[in-house]
Amino acid sequence: VQLQASGGGLVQAGGSLRLSCAASRSISSINVMAWYRQAPGKQRELVATIRSSRITNYAASVKGRFTISKNNAKNTMYLQMNSLNPEDTAVYYCNAKIVTIIERTNDYWGQGTLVTVSS
């Protein structure tokens, strides 16, 4: 599966952005889709996940501010980000985890979209 992330940009602290991740195939059966981010000089970190069942999980740093969702009909996953602060500045990557018939997990990555939050 190919993933294309979009929606990043420059926003002031307290503002909002919505990221999109368009997939090249149906996402309804993808086991887990996720958003990661990588700030300058830091390791990539998990931001949020959504399972095929639509169960979601969030990193503590974004819980209550970010919402992950997906539209299976559009083969697209979203990340609604509210109350942004400068610590949210990072390149955001979308990810798909597909478990194969032999129970091996394959990771697929989008190209990343830059989010910059000014103070």
PDB file of N, CA and C in Angstrom:
ATOM      1  N   VAL A   1       0.847  -1.184   0.000  1.00  0.00           N
ATOM      2  CA  VAL A   1       0.000   0.000   0.000  1.00  0.00           C
ATOM      3  C   VAL A   1       0.888   1.242   0.000  1.00  0.00           C
ATOM      4  N   GLN A   2       0.508   2.250  -0.794  1.00  0.00           N
ATOM      5  CA  GLN A   2       1.218   3.533  -0.798  1.00  0.00           C
ATOM      6  C   GLN A   2       0.406   4.555  -0.027  1.00  0.00           C
ATOM      7  N   LEU A   3       1.105   5.381   0.754  1.00  0.00           N
ATOM      8  CA  LEU A   3       0.453   6.376   1.597  1.00  0.00           C
ATOM      9  C   LEU A   3       0.951   7.764   1.233  1.00  0.00           C
ATOM     10  N   GLN A   4       0.039   8.716   1.199  1.00  0.00           N
ATOM     11  CA  GLN A   4       0.372  10.094   0.860  1.00  0.00           C
ATOM     12  C   GLN A   4      -0.181  11.001   1.942  1.00  0.00           C
ATOM     13  N   ALA A   5       0.719  11.592   2.727  1.00  0.00           N
ATOM     14  CA  ALA A   5       0.309  12.502   3.792  1.00  0.00           C
ATOM     15  C   ALA A   5       0.253  13.931   3.276  1.00  0.00           C
ATOM     16  N   SER A   6      -0.685  14.694   3.807  1.00  0.00           N
ATOM     17  CA  SER A   6      -0.818  16.103   3.427  1.00  0.00           C
ATOM     18  C   SER A   6      -1.476  16.871   4.555  1.00  0.00           C
ATOM     19  N   GLY A   7      -1.475  18.202   4.432  1.00  0.00           N
ATOM     20  CA  GLY A   7      -2.186  19.033   5.388  1.00  0.00           C
ATOM     21  C   GLY A   7      -1.309  19.785   6.370  1.00  0.00           C
ATOM     22  N   GLY A   8      -0.011  19.544   6.329  1.00  0.00           N
ATOM     23  CA  GLY A   8       0.870  20.265   7.225  1.00  0.00           C
ATOM     24  C   GLY A   8       0.990  21.726   6.837  1.00  0.00           C
ATOM     25  N   GLY A   9       1.605  22.488   7.731  1.00  0.00           N
ATOM     26  CA  GLY A   9       1.791  23.904   7.449  1.00  0.00           C
ATOM     27  C   GLY A   9       2.227  24.646   8.684  1.00  0.00           C
ATOM     28  N   LEU A  10       2.175  25.964   8.587  1.00  0.00           N
ATOM     29  CA  LEU A  10       2.555  26.837   9.688  1.00  0.00           C
ATOM     30  C   LEU A  10       1.294  27.342  10.379  1.00  0.00           C
ATOM     31  N   VAL A  11       1.259  27.217  11.693  1.00  0.00           N
ATOM     32  CA  VAL A  11       0.101  27.660  12.459  1.00  0.00           C
ATOM     33  C   VAL A  11       0.576  28.282  13.767  1.00  0.00           C
ATOM     34  N   GLN A  12      -0.181  29.223  14.279  1.00  0.00           N
ATOM     35  CA  GLN A  12       0.163  29.840  15.550  1.00  0.00           C
ATOM     36  C   GLN A  12      -0.241  28.937  16.714  1.00  0.00           C
ATOM     37  N   ALA A  13       0.427  29.102  17.814  1.00  0.00           N
ATOM     38  CA  ALA A  13       0.081  28.353  19.015  1.00  0.00           C
ATOM     39  C   ALA A  13      -1.399  28.567  19.350  1.00  0.00           C
ATOM     40  N   GLY A  14      -2.056  27.474  19.711  1.00  0.00           N
ATOM     41  CA  GLY A  14      -3.483  27.524  19.986  1.00  0.00           C
ATOM     42  C   GLY A  14      -4.346  27.210  18.782  1.00  0.00           C
ATOM     43  N   GLY A  15      -3.727  27.147  17.617  1.00  0.00           N
ATOM     44  CA  GLY A  15      -4.473  26.894  16.391  1.00  0.00           C
ATOM     45  C   GLY A  15      -4.697  25.425  16.133  1.00  0.00           C
ATOM     46  N   SER A  16      -5.277  25.150  14.956  1.00  0.00           N
ATOM     47  CA  SER A  16      -5.638  23.787  14.575  1.00  0.00           C
ATOM     48  C   SER A  16      -5.172  23.482  13.161  1.00  0.00           C
ATOM     49  N   LEU A  17      -4.941  22.207  12.916  1.00  0.00           N
ATOM     50  CA  LEU A  17      -4.651  21.693  11.585  1.00  0.00           C
ATOM     51  C   LEU A  17      -5.269  20.311  11.470  1.00  0.00           C
ATOM     52  N   ARG A  18      -5.602  19.929  10.236  1.00  0.00           N
ATOM     53  CA  ARG A  18      -6.050  18.568   9.991  1.00  0.00           C
ATOM     54  C   ARG A  18      -5.135  17.928   8.953  1.00  0.00           C
ATOM     55  N   LEU A  19      -4.518  16.845   9.342  1.00  0.00           N
ATOM     56  CA  LEU A  19      -3.677  16.085   8.427  1.00  0.00           C
ATOM     57  C   LEU A  19      -4.501  14.983   7.776  1.00  0.00           C
ATOM     58  N   SER A  20      -4.151  14.672   6.536  1.00  0.00           N
ATOM     59  CA  SER A  20      -4.803  13.584   5.815  1.00  0.00           C
ATOM     60  C   SER A  20      -3.747  12.596   5.343  1.00  0.00           C
ATOM     61  N   CYS A  21      -4.150  11.350   5.235  1.00  0.00           N
ATOM     62  CA  CYS A  21      -3.276  10.298   4.723  1.00  0.00           C
ATOM     63  C   CYS A  21      -4.098   9.465   3.752  1.00  0.00           C
ATOM     64  N   ALA A  22      -3.828   9.656   2.470  1.00  0.00           N
ATOM     65  CA  ALA A  22      -4.564   8.938   1.435  1.00  0.00           C
ATOM     66  C   ALA A  22      -3.832   7.660   1.074  1.00  0.00           C
ATOM     67  N   ALA A  23      -4.569   6.567   1.034  1.00  0.00           N
ATOM     68  CA  ALA A  23      -3.981   5.268   0.720  1.00  0.00           C
ATOM     69  C   ALA A  23      -4.321   4.861  -0.701  1.00  0.00           C
ATOM     70  N   SER A  24      -3.457   4.021  -1.273  1.00  0.00           N
ATOM     71  CA  SER A  24      -3.623   3.599  -2.662  1.00  0.00           C
ATOM     72  C   SER A  24      -4.583   2.424  -2.801  1.00  0.00           C
ATOM     73  N   ARG A  25      -5.047   1.897  -1.684  1.00  0.00           N
ATOM     74  CA  ARG A  25      -5.982   0.774  -1.705  1.00  0.00           C
ATOM     75  C   ARG A  25      -6.918   0.884  -0.510  1.00  0.00           C
ATOM     76  N   SER A  26      -7.848  -0.028  -0.439  1.00  0.00           N
ATOM     77  CA  SER A  26      -8.807  -0.020   0.656  1.00  0.00           C
ATOM     78  C   SER A  26      -8.097  -0.122   2.005  1.00  0.00           C
ATOM     79  N   ILE A  27      -8.569   0.680   2.954  1.00  0.00           N
ATOM     80  CA  ILE A  27      -7.956   0.667   4.283  1.00  0.00           C
ATOM     81  C   ILE A  27      -8.839  -0.034   5.320  1.00  0.00           C
ATOM     82  N   SER A  28     -10.010  -0.473   4.899  1.00  0.00           N
ATOM     83  CA  SER A  28     -10.955  -1.023   5.880  1.00  0.00           C
ATOM     84  C   SER A  28     -10.407  -2.241   6.612  1.00  0.00           C
ATOM     85  N   SER A  29      -9.566  -3.012   5.949  1.00  0.00           N
ATOM     86  CA  SER A  29      -9.041  -4.226   6.567  1.00  0.00           C
ATOM     87  C   SER A  29      -7.619  -4.082   7.099  1.00  0.00           C
ATOM     88  N   ILE A  30      -7.063  -2.888   6.973  1.00  0.00           N
ATOM     89  CA  ILE A  30      -5.706  -2.687   7.498  1.00  0.00           C
ATOM     90  C   ILE A  30      -5.753  -2.777   9.023  1.00  0.00           C
ATOM     91  N   ASN A  31      -4.942  -3.604   9.590  1.00  0.00           N
ATOM     92  CA  ASN A  31      -5.010  -3.913  11.018  1.00  0.00           C
ATOM     93  C   ASN A  31      -4.892  -2.667  11.891  1.00  0.00           C
ATOM     94  N   VAL A  32      -3.836  -1.889  11.643  1.00  0.00           N
ATOM     95  CA  VAL A  32      -3.620  -0.676  12.417  1.00  0.00           C
ATOM     96  C   VAL A  32      -3.089   0.407  11.491  1.00  0.00           C
ATOM     97  N   MET A  33      -3.642   1.588  11.612  1.00  0.00           N
ATOM     98  CA  MET A  33      -3.070   2.766  10.961  1.00  0.00           C
ATOM     99  C   MET A  33      -2.667   3.743  12.054  1.00  0.00           C
ATOM    100  N   ALA A  34      -1.633   4.515  11.772  1.00  0.00           N
ATOM    101  CA  ALA A  34      -1.083   5.342  12.836  1.00  0.00           C
ATOM    102  C   ALA A  34      -0.486   6.631  12.291  1.00  0.00           C
ATOM    103  N   TRP A  35      -0.343   7.584  13.170  1.00  0.00           N
ATOM    104  CA  TRP A  35       0.427   8.802  12.915  1.00  0.00           C
ATOM    105  C   TRP A  35       1.626   8.789  13.857  1.00  0.00           C
ATOM    106  N   TYR A  36       2.786   9.067  13.299  1.00  0.00           N
ATOM    107  CA  TYR A  36       4.021   9.260  14.052  1.00  0.00           C
ATOM    108  C   TYR A  36       4.505  10.673  13.781  1.00  0.00           C
ATOM    109  N   ARG A  37       5.413  11.141  14.608  1.00  0.00           N
ATOM    110  CA  ARG A  37       6.041  12.429  14.337  1.00  0.00           C
ATOM    111  C   ARG A  37       7.507  12.395  14.762  1.00  0.00           C
ATOM    112  N   GLN A  38       8.271  13.231  14.108  1.00  0.00           N
ATOM    113  CA  GLN A  38       9.687  13.337  14.434  1.00  0.00           C
ATOM    114  C   GLN A  38      10.082  14.800  14.456  1.00  0.00           C
ATOM    115  N   ALA A  39      10.428  15.257  15.655  1.00  0.00           N
ATOM    116  CA  ALA A  39      10.881  16.632  15.818  1.00  0.00           C
ATOM    117  C   ALA A  39      12.384  16.701  15.535  1.00  0.00           C
ATOM    118  N   PRO A  40      12.881  17.881  15.189  1.00  0.00           N
ATOM    119  CA  PRO A  40      14.310  18.021  14.896  1.00  0.00           C
ATOM    120  C   PRO A  40      15.170  17.520  16.047  1.00  0.00           C
ATOM    121  N   GLY A  41      16.111  16.634  15.741  1.00  0.00           N
ATOM    122  CA  GLY A  41      17.031  16.132  16.751  1.00  0.00           C
ATOM    123  C   GLY A  41      16.444  15.098  17.686  1.00  0.00           C
ATOM    124  N   LYS A  42      15.227  14.649  17.400  1.00  0.00           N
ATOM    125  CA  LYS A  42      14.579  13.675  18.285  1.00  0.00           C
ATOM    126  C   LYS A  42      14.210  12.422  17.509  1.00  0.00           C
ATOM    127  N   GLN A  43      13.926  11.376  18.264  1.00  0.00           N
ATOM    128  CA  GLN A  43      13.508  10.131  17.635  1.00  0.00           C
ATOM    129  C   GLN A  43      12.043  10.229  17.213  1.00  0.00           C
ATOM    130  N   ARG A  44      11.698   9.415  16.227  1.00  0.00           N
ATOM    131  CA  ARG A  44      10.307   9.352  15.800  1.00  0.00           C
ATOM    132  C   ARG A  44       9.472   8.778  16.936  1.00  0.00           C
ATOM    133  N   GLU A  45       8.309   9.378  17.170  1.00  0.00           N
ATOM    134  CA  GLU A  45       7.453   8.912  18.250  1.00  0.00           C
ATOM    135  C   GLU A  45       6.039   8.661  17.744  1.00  0.00           C
ATOM    136  N   LEU A  46       5.383   7.726  18.385  1.00  0.00           N
ATOM    137  CA  LEU A  46       4.006   7.395  18.037  1.00  0.00           C
ATOM    138  C   LEU A  46       3.063   8.446  18.606  1.00  0.00           C
ATOM    139  N   VAL A  47       2.165   8.926  17.762  1.00  0.00           N
ATOM    140  CA  VAL A  47       1.212   9.960  18.175  1.00  0.00           C
ATOM    141  C   VAL A  47      -0.158   9.345  18.456  1.00  0.00           C
ATOM    142  N   ALA A  48      -0.656   8.555  17.517  1.00  0.00           N
ATOM    143  CA  ALA A  48      -1.993   7.988  17.662  1.00  0.00           C
ATOM    144  C   ALA A  48      -2.150   6.791  16.739  1.00  0.00           C
ATOM    145  N   THR A  49      -3.028   5.872  17.149  1.00  0.00           N
ATOM    146  CA  THR A  49      -3.323   4.707  16.325  1.00  0.00           C
ATOM    147  C   THR A  49      -4.830   4.511  16.210  1.00  0.00           C
ATOM    148  N   ILE A  50      -5.230   3.893  15.114  1.00  0.00           N
ATOM    149  CA  ILE A  50      -6.623   3.499  14.943  1.00  0.00           C
ATOM    150  C   ILE A  50      -6.637   2.113  14.328  1.00  0.00           C
ATOM    151  N   ARG A  51      -7.379   1.227  14.957  1.00  0.00           N
ATOM    152  CA  ARG A  51      -7.454  -0.143  14.481  1.00  0.00           C
ATOM    153  C   ARG A  51      -8.563  -0.298  13.453  1.00  0.00           C
ATOM    154  N   SER A  52      -8.598  -1.451  12.807  1.00  0.00           N
ATOM    155  CA  SER A  52      -9.662  -1.712  11.843  1.00  0.00           C
ATOM    156  C   SER A  52     -11.023  -1.654  12.524  1.00  0.00           C
ATOM    157  N   SER A  53     -11.050  -1.940  13.815  1.00  0.00           N
ATOM    158  CA  SER A  53     -12.283  -1.861  14.609  1.00  0.00           C
ATOM    159  C   SER A  53     -12.630  -0.436  15.000  1.00  0.00           C
ATOM    160  N   ARG A  54     -11.725   0.517  14.646  1.00  0.00           N
ATOM    161  CA  ARG A  54     -11.868   1.948  14.971  1.00  0.00           C
ATOM    162  C   ARG A  54     -11.517   2.265  16.419  1.00  0.00           C
ATOM    163  N   ILE A  55     -11.008   1.307  17.161  1.00  0.00           N
ATOM    164  CA  ILE A  55     -10.495   1.606  18.486  1.00  0.00           C
ATOM    165  C   ILE A  55      -9.252   2.479  18.335  1.00  0.00           C
ATOM    166  N   THR A  56      -9.184   3.532  19.132  1.00  0.00           N
ATOM    167  CA  THR A  56      -8.100   4.492  19.012  1.00  0.00           C
ATOM    168  C   THR A  56      -7.264   4.540  20.289  1.00  0.00           C
ATOM    169  N   ASN A  57      -6.016   4.965  20.115  1.00  0.00           N
ATOM    170  CA  ASN A  57      -5.128   5.203  21.245  1.00  0.00           C
ATOM    171  C   ASN A  57      -4.266   6.417  20.945  1.00  0.00           C
ATOM    172  N   TYR A  58      -3.872   7.112  22.004  1.00  0.00           N
ATOM    173  CA  TYR A  58      -3.115   8.354  21.844  1.00  0.00           C
ATOM    174  C   TYR A  58      -1.926   8.400  22.792  1.00  0.00           C
ATOM    175  N   ALA A  59      -0.891   9.086  22.348  1.00  0.00           N
ATOM    176  CA  ALA A  59       0.207   9.402  23.250  1.00  0.00           C
ATOM    177  C   ALA A  59      -0.304  10.370  24.307  1.00  0.00           C
ATOM    178  N   ALA A  60       0.252  10.290  25.481  1.00  0.00           N
ATOM    179  CA  ALA A  60      -0.204  11.143  26.582  1.00  0.00           C
ATOM    180  C   ALA A  60      -0.078  12.625  26.241  1.00  0.00           C
ATOM    181  N   SER A  61       0.921  12.959  25.457  1.00  0.00           N
ATOM    182  CA  SER A  61       1.189  14.369  25.143  1.00  0.00           C
ATOM    183  C   SER A  61       0.139  14.992  24.235  1.00  0.00           C
ATOM    184  N   VAL A  62      -0.657  14.167  23.554  1.00  0.00           N
ATOM    185  CA  VAL A  62      -1.640  14.717  22.615  1.00  0.00           C
ATOM    186  C   VAL A  62      -3.081  14.360  22.991  1.00  0.00           C
ATOM    187  N   LYS A  63      -3.240  13.525  24.004  1.00  0.00           N
ATOM    188  CA  LYS A  63      -4.576  13.074  24.382  1.00  0.00           C
ATOM    189  C   LYS A  63      -5.438  14.257  24.775  1.00  0.00           C
ATOM    190  N   GLY A  64      -6.638  14.294  24.224  1.00  0.00           N
ATOM    191  CA  GLY A  64      -7.546  15.389  24.511  1.00  0.00           C
ATOM    192  C   GLY A  64      -7.408  16.558  23.547  1.00  0.00           C
ATOM    193  N   ARG A  65      -6.327  16.566  22.756  1.00  0.00           N
ATOM    194  CA  ARG A  65      -6.130  17.643  21.782  1.00  0.00           C
ATOM    195  C   ARG A  65      -6.197  17.135  20.346  1.00  0.00           C
ATOM    196  N   PHE A  66      -5.742  15.918  20.131  1.00  0.00           N
ATOM    197  CA  PHE A  66      -5.704  15.337  18.781  1.00  0.00           C
ATOM    198  C   PHE A  66      -6.773  14.261  18.668  1.00  0.00           C
ATOM    199  N   THR A  67      -7.305  14.101  17.461  1.00  0.00           N
ATOM    200  CA  THR A  67      -8.278  13.051  17.188  1.00  0.00           C
ATOM    201  C   THR A  67      -7.907  12.347  15.892  1.00  0.00           C
ATOM    202  N   ILE A  68      -7.731  11.044  15.971  1.00  0.00           N
ATOM    203  CA  ILE A  68      -7.442  10.236  14.789  1.00  0.00           C
ATOM    204  C   ILE A  68      -8.753   9.621  14.304  1.00  0.00           C
ATOM    205  N   SER A  69      -8.921   9.578  12.998  1.00  0.00           N
ATOM    206  CA  SER A  69     -10.136   8.999  12.427  1.00  0.00           C
ATOM    207  C   SER A  69      -9.818   8.482  11.034  1.00  0.00           C
ATOM    208  N   LYS A  70     -10.766   7.791  10.455  1.00  0.00           N
ATOM    209  CA  LYS A  70     -10.575   7.322   9.084  1.00  0.00           C
ATOM    210  C   LYS A  70     -11.908   7.242   8.370  1.00  0.00           C
ATOM    211  N   ASN A  71     -11.842   7.390   7.071  1.00  0.00           N
ATOM    212  CA  ASN A  71     -13.009   7.253   6.206  1.00  0.00           C
ATOM    213  C   ASN A  71     -12.689   6.124   5.235  1.00  0.00           C
ATOM    214  N   ASN A  72     -13.255   4.961   5.506  1.00  0.00           N
ATOM    215  CA  ASN A  72     -12.937   3.798   4.663  1.00  0.00           C
ATOM    216  C   ASN A  72     -13.388   4.001   3.216  1.00  0.00           C
ATOM    217  N   ALA A  73     -14.488   4.698   3.044  1.00  0.00           N
ATOM    218  CA  ALA A  73     -14.996   4.911   1.684  1.00  0.00           C
ATOM    219  C   ALA A  73     -14.035   5.762   0.845  1.00  0.00           C
ATOM    220  N   LYS A  74     -13.265   6.626   1.522  1.00  0.00           N
ATOM    221  CA  LYS A  74     -12.318   7.485   0.817  1.00  0.00           C
ATOM    222  C   LYS A  74     -10.889   6.977   0.933  1.00  0.00           C
ATOM    223  N   ASN A  75     -10.706   5.847   1.598  1.00  0.00           N
ATOM    224  CA  ASN A  75      -9.358   5.281   1.800  1.00  0.00           C
ATOM    225  C   ASN A  75      -8.423   6.318   2.418  1.00  0.00           C
ATOM    226  N   THR A  76      -8.929   7.061   3.381  1.00  0.00           N
ATOM    227  CA  THR A  76      -8.165   8.164   3.953  1.00  0.00           C
ATOM    228  C   THR A  76      -8.250   8.153   5.477  1.00  0.00           C
ATOM    229  N   MET A  77      -7.111   8.415   6.086  1.00  0.00           N
ATOM    230  CA  MET A  77      -7.033   8.566   7.544  1.00  0.00           C
ATOM    231  C   MET A  77      -6.750  10.032   7.841  1.00  0.00           C
ATOM    232  N   TYR A  78      -7.204  10.484   9.010  1.00  0.00           N
ATOM    233  CA  TYR A  78      -7.046  11.888   9.373  1.00  0.00           C
ATOM    234  C   TYR A  78      -6.443  12.024  10.766  1.00  0.00           C
ATOM    235  N   LEU A  79      -5.868  13.193  10.993  1.00  0.00           N
ATOM    236  CA  LEU A  79      -5.445  13.567  12.341  1.00  0.00           C
ATOM    237  C   LEU A  79      -5.867  15.018  12.547  1.00  0.00           C
ATOM    238  N   GLN A  80      -6.887  15.212  13.348  1.00  0.00           N
ATOM    239  CA  GLN A  80      -7.323  16.559  13.703  1.00  0.00           C
ATOM    240  C   GLN A  80      -6.516  17.009  14.908  1.00  0.00           C
ATOM    241  N   MET A  81      -5.814  18.118  14.754  1.00  0.00           N
ATOM    242  CA  MET A  81      -4.943  18.606  15.814  1.00  0.00           C
ATOM    243  C   MET A  81      -5.435  19.965  16.287  1.00  0.00           C
ATOM    244  N   ASN A  82      -5.825  20.043  17.546  1.00  0.00           N
ATOM    245  CA  ASN A  82      -6.312  21.285  18.139  1.00  0.00           C
ATOM    246  C   ASN A  82      -5.379  21.725  19.254  1.00  0.00           C
ATOM    247  N   SER A  83      -5.523  22.964  19.639  1.00  0.00           N
ATOM    248  CA  SER A  83      -4.710  23.521  20.736  1.00  0.00           C
ATOM    249  C   SER A  83      -3.224  23.223  20.535  1.00  0.00           C
ATOM    250  N   LEU A  84      -2.758  23.481  19.347  1.00  0.00           N
ATOM    251  CA  LEU A  84      -1.359  23.184  19.032  1.00  0.00           C
ATOM    252  C   LEU A  84      -0.420  24.084  19.815  1.00  0.00           C
ATOM    253  N   ASN A  85       0.722  23.526  20.165  1.00  0.00           N
ATOM    254  CA  ASN A  85       1.760  24.294  20.846  1.00  0.00           C
ATOM    255  C   ASN A  85       3.097  24.040  20.148  1.00  0.00           C
ATOM    256  N   PRO A  86       4.097  24.865  20.411  1.00  0.00           N
ATOM    257  CA  PRO A  86       5.376  24.733  19.693  1.00  0.00           C
ATOM    258  C   PRO A  86       6.010  23.348  19.827  1.00  0.00           C
ATOM    259  N   GLU A  87       5.709  22.639  20.914  1.00  0.00           N
ATOM    260  CA  GLU A  87       6.266  21.287  21.099  1.00  0.00           C
ATOM    261  C   GLU A  87       5.674  20.279  20.112  1.00  0.00           C
ATOM    262  N   ASP A  88       4.616  20.662  19.427  1.00  0.00           N
ATOM    263  CA  ASP A  88       4.021  19.780  18.406  1.00  0.00           C
ATOM    264  C   ASP A  88       4.720  19.932  17.052  1.00  0.00           C
ATOM    265  N   THR A  89       5.647  20.859  16.956  1.00  0.00           N
ATOM    266  CA  THR A  89       6.370  21.051  15.705  1.00  0.00           C
ATOM    267  C   THR A  89       7.174  19.802  15.362  1.00  0.00           C
ATOM    268  N   ALA A  90       6.929  19.267  14.159  1.00  0.00           N
ATOM    269  CA  ALA A  90       7.573  18.024  13.759  1.00  0.00           C
ATOM    270  C   ALA A  90       7.153  17.682  12.332  1.00  0.00           C
ATOM    271  N   VAL A  91       7.838  16.705  11.768  1.00  0.00           N
ATOM    272  CA  VAL A  91       7.352  16.084  10.541  1.00  0.00           C
ATOM    273  C   VAL A  91       6.447  14.929  10.966  1.00  0.00           C
ATOM    274  N   TYR A  92       5.235  14.931  10.438  1.00  0.00           N
ATOM    275  CA  TYR A  92       4.255  13.913  10.787  1.00  0.00           C
ATOM    276  C   TYR A  92       4.182  12.886   9.665  1.00  0.00           C
ATOM    277  N   TYR A  93       4.238  11.622  10.057  1.00  0.00           N
ATOM    278  CA  TYR A  93       4.219  10.519   9.110  1.00  0.00           C
ATOM    279  C   TYR A  93       2.998   9.640   9.359  1.00  0.00           C
ATOM    280  N   CYS A  94       2.364   9.213   8.276  1.00  0.00           N
ATOM    281  CA  CYS A  94       1.318   8.219   8.448  1.00  0.00           C
ATOM    282  C   CYS A  94       1.904   6.826   8.195  1.00  0.00           C
ATOM    283  N   ASN A  95       1.270   5.871   8.816  1.00  0.00           N
ATOM    284  CA  ASN A  95       1.810   4.507   8.850  1.00  0.00           C
ATOM    285  C   ASN A  95       0.669   3.509   8.785  1.00  0.00           C
ATOM    286  N   ALA A  96       0.921   2.418   8.089  1.00  0.00           N
ATOM    287  CA  ALA A  96      -0.046   1.323   8.053  1.00  0.00           C
ATOM    288  C   ALA A  96       0.675   0.044   8.450  1.00  0.00           C
ATOM    289  N   LYS A  97       0.057  -0.701   9.336  1.00  0.00           N
ATOM    290  CA  LYS A  97       0.621  -1.973   9.787  1.00  0.00           C
ATOM    291  C   LYS A  97      -0.295  -3.088   9.302  1.00  0.00           C
ATOM    292  N   ILE A  98       0.236  -3.920   8.450  1.00  0.00           N
ATOM    293  CA  ILE A  98      -0.546  -5.005   7.876  1.00  0.00           C
ATOM    294  C   ILE A  98       0.051  -6.329   8.327  1.00  0.00           C
ATOM    295  N   VAL A  99      -0.783  -7.129   8.963  1.00  0.00           N
ATOM    296  CA  VAL A  99      -0.342  -8.439   9.447  1.00  0.00           C
ATOM    297  C   VAL A  99      -0.605  -9.460   8.353  1.00  0.00           C
ATOM    298  N   THR A 100       0.434 -10.191   7.970  1.00  0.00           N
ATOM    299  CA  THR A 100       0.310 -11.169   6.891  1.00  0.00           C
ATOM    300  C   THR A 100      -0.259 -12.488   7.407  1.00  0.00           C
ATOM    301  N   ILE A 101      -0.492 -13.382   6.470  1.00  0.00           N
ATOM    302  CA  ILE A 101      -1.081 -14.675   6.820  1.00  0.00           C
ATOM    303  C   ILE A 101      -0.176 -15.478   7.748  1.00  0.00           C
ATOM    304  N   ILE A 102       1.124 -15.200   7.719  1.00  0.00           N
ATOM    305  CA  ILE A 102       2.065 -15.889   8.609  1.00  0.00           C
ATOM    306  C   ILE A 102       2.340 -15.045   9.850  1.00  0.00           C
ATOM    307  N   GLU A 103       1.459 -14.089  10.093  1.00  0.00           N
ATOM    308  CA  GLU A 103       1.489 -13.245  11.294  1.00  0.00           C
ATOM    309  C   GLU A 103       2.751 -12.394  11.390  1.00  0.00           C
ATOM    310  N   ARG A 104       3.252 -11.999  10.246  1.00  0.00           N
ATOM    311  CA  ARG A 104       4.351 -11.037  10.215  1.00  0.00           C
ATOM    312  C   ARG A 104       3.749  -9.661   9.978  1.00  0.00           C
ATOM    313  N   THR A 105       4.228  -8.654  10.696  1.00  0.00           N
ATOM    314  CA  THR A 105       3.708  -7.294  10.543  1.00  0.00           C
ATOM    315  C   THR A 105       4.601  -6.513   9.593  1.00  0.00           C
ATOM    316  N   ASN A 106       4.000  -6.030   8.520  1.00  0.00           N
ATOM    317  CA  ASN A 106       4.709  -5.186   7.569  1.00  0.00           C
ATOM    318  C   ASN A 106       4.297  -3.737   7.779  1.00  0.00           C
ATOM    319  N   ASP A 107       5.276  -2.848   7.834  1.00  0.00           N
ATOM    320  CA  ASP A 107       5.035  -1.420   8.022  1.00  0.00           C
ATOM    321  C   ASP A 107       5.154  -0.686   6.688  1.00  0.00           C
ATOM    322  N   TYR A 108       4.197   0.212   6.452  1.00  0.00           N
ATOM    323  CA  TYR A 108       4.214   1.059   5.261  1.00  0.00           C
ATOM    324  C   TYR A 108       4.155   2.504   5.733  1.00  0.00           C
ATOM    325  N   TRP A 109       4.930   3.371   5.068  1.00  0.00           N
ATOM    326  CA  TRP A 109       5.059   4.756   5.508  1.00  0.00           C
ATOM    327  C   TRP A 109       4.726   5.739   4.397  1.00  0.00           C
ATOM    328  N   GLY A 110       4.094   6.844   4.798  1.00  0.00           N
ATOM    329  CA  GLY A 110       3.933   7.972   3.902  1.00  0.00           C
ATOM    330  C   GLY A 110       5.204   8.818   3.942  1.00  0.00           C
ATOM    331  N   GLN A 111       5.223   9.866   3.132  1.00  0.00           N
ATOM    332  CA  GLN A 111       6.440  10.657   2.970  1.00  0.00           C
ATOM    333  C   GLN A 111       6.627  11.716   4.045  1.00  0.00           C
ATOM    334  N   GLY A 112       5.636  11.982   4.854  1.00  0.00           N
ATOM    335  CA  GLY A 112       5.770  12.984   5.902  1.00  0.00           C
ATOM    336  C   GLY A 112       5.270  14.346   5.476  1.00  0.00           C
ATOM    337  N   THR A 113       4.693  15.053   6.426  1.00  0.00           N
ATOM    338  CA  THR A 113       4.233  16.418   6.190  1.00  0.00           C
ATOM    339  C   THR A 113       4.643  17.265   7.385  1.00  0.00           C
ATOM    340  N   LEU A 114       5.204  18.434   7.115  1.00  0.00           N
ATOM    341  CA  LEU A 114       5.779  19.267   8.167  1.00  0.00           C
ATOM    342  C   LEU A 114       4.727  20.142   8.826  1.00  0.00           C
ATOM    343  N   VAL A 115       4.701  20.084  10.146  1.00  0.00           N
ATOM    344  CA  VAL A 115       3.842  20.949  10.943  1.00  0.00           C
ATOM    345  C   VAL A 115       4.740  21.850  11.783  1.00  0.00           C
ATOM    346  N   THR A 116       4.555  23.142  11.635  1.00  0.00           N
ATOM    347  CA  THR A 116       5.335  24.114  12.389  1.00  0.00           C
ATOM    348  C   THR A 116       4.381  24.982  13.195  1.00  0.00           C
ATOM    349  N   VAL A 117       4.589  25.015  14.506  1.00  0.00           N
ATOM    350  CA  VAL A 117       3.729  25.805  15.395  1.00  0.00           C
ATOM    351  C   VAL A 117       4.565  26.942  15.969  1.00  0.00           C
ATOM    352  N   SER A 118       4.156  28.158  15.683  1.00  0.00           N
ATOM    353  CA  SER A 118       4.889  29.316  16.165  1.00  0.00           C
ATOM    354  C   SER A 118       4.294  29.808  17.481  1.00  0.00           C
ATOM    355  N   SER A 119       5.153  30.346  18.320  1.00  0.00           N
ATOM    356  CA  SER A 119       4.699  30.818  19.647  1.00  0.00           C
ATOM    357  C   SER A 119       4.245  32.259  19.594  1.00  0.00           C
TER     358      SER A 119
END
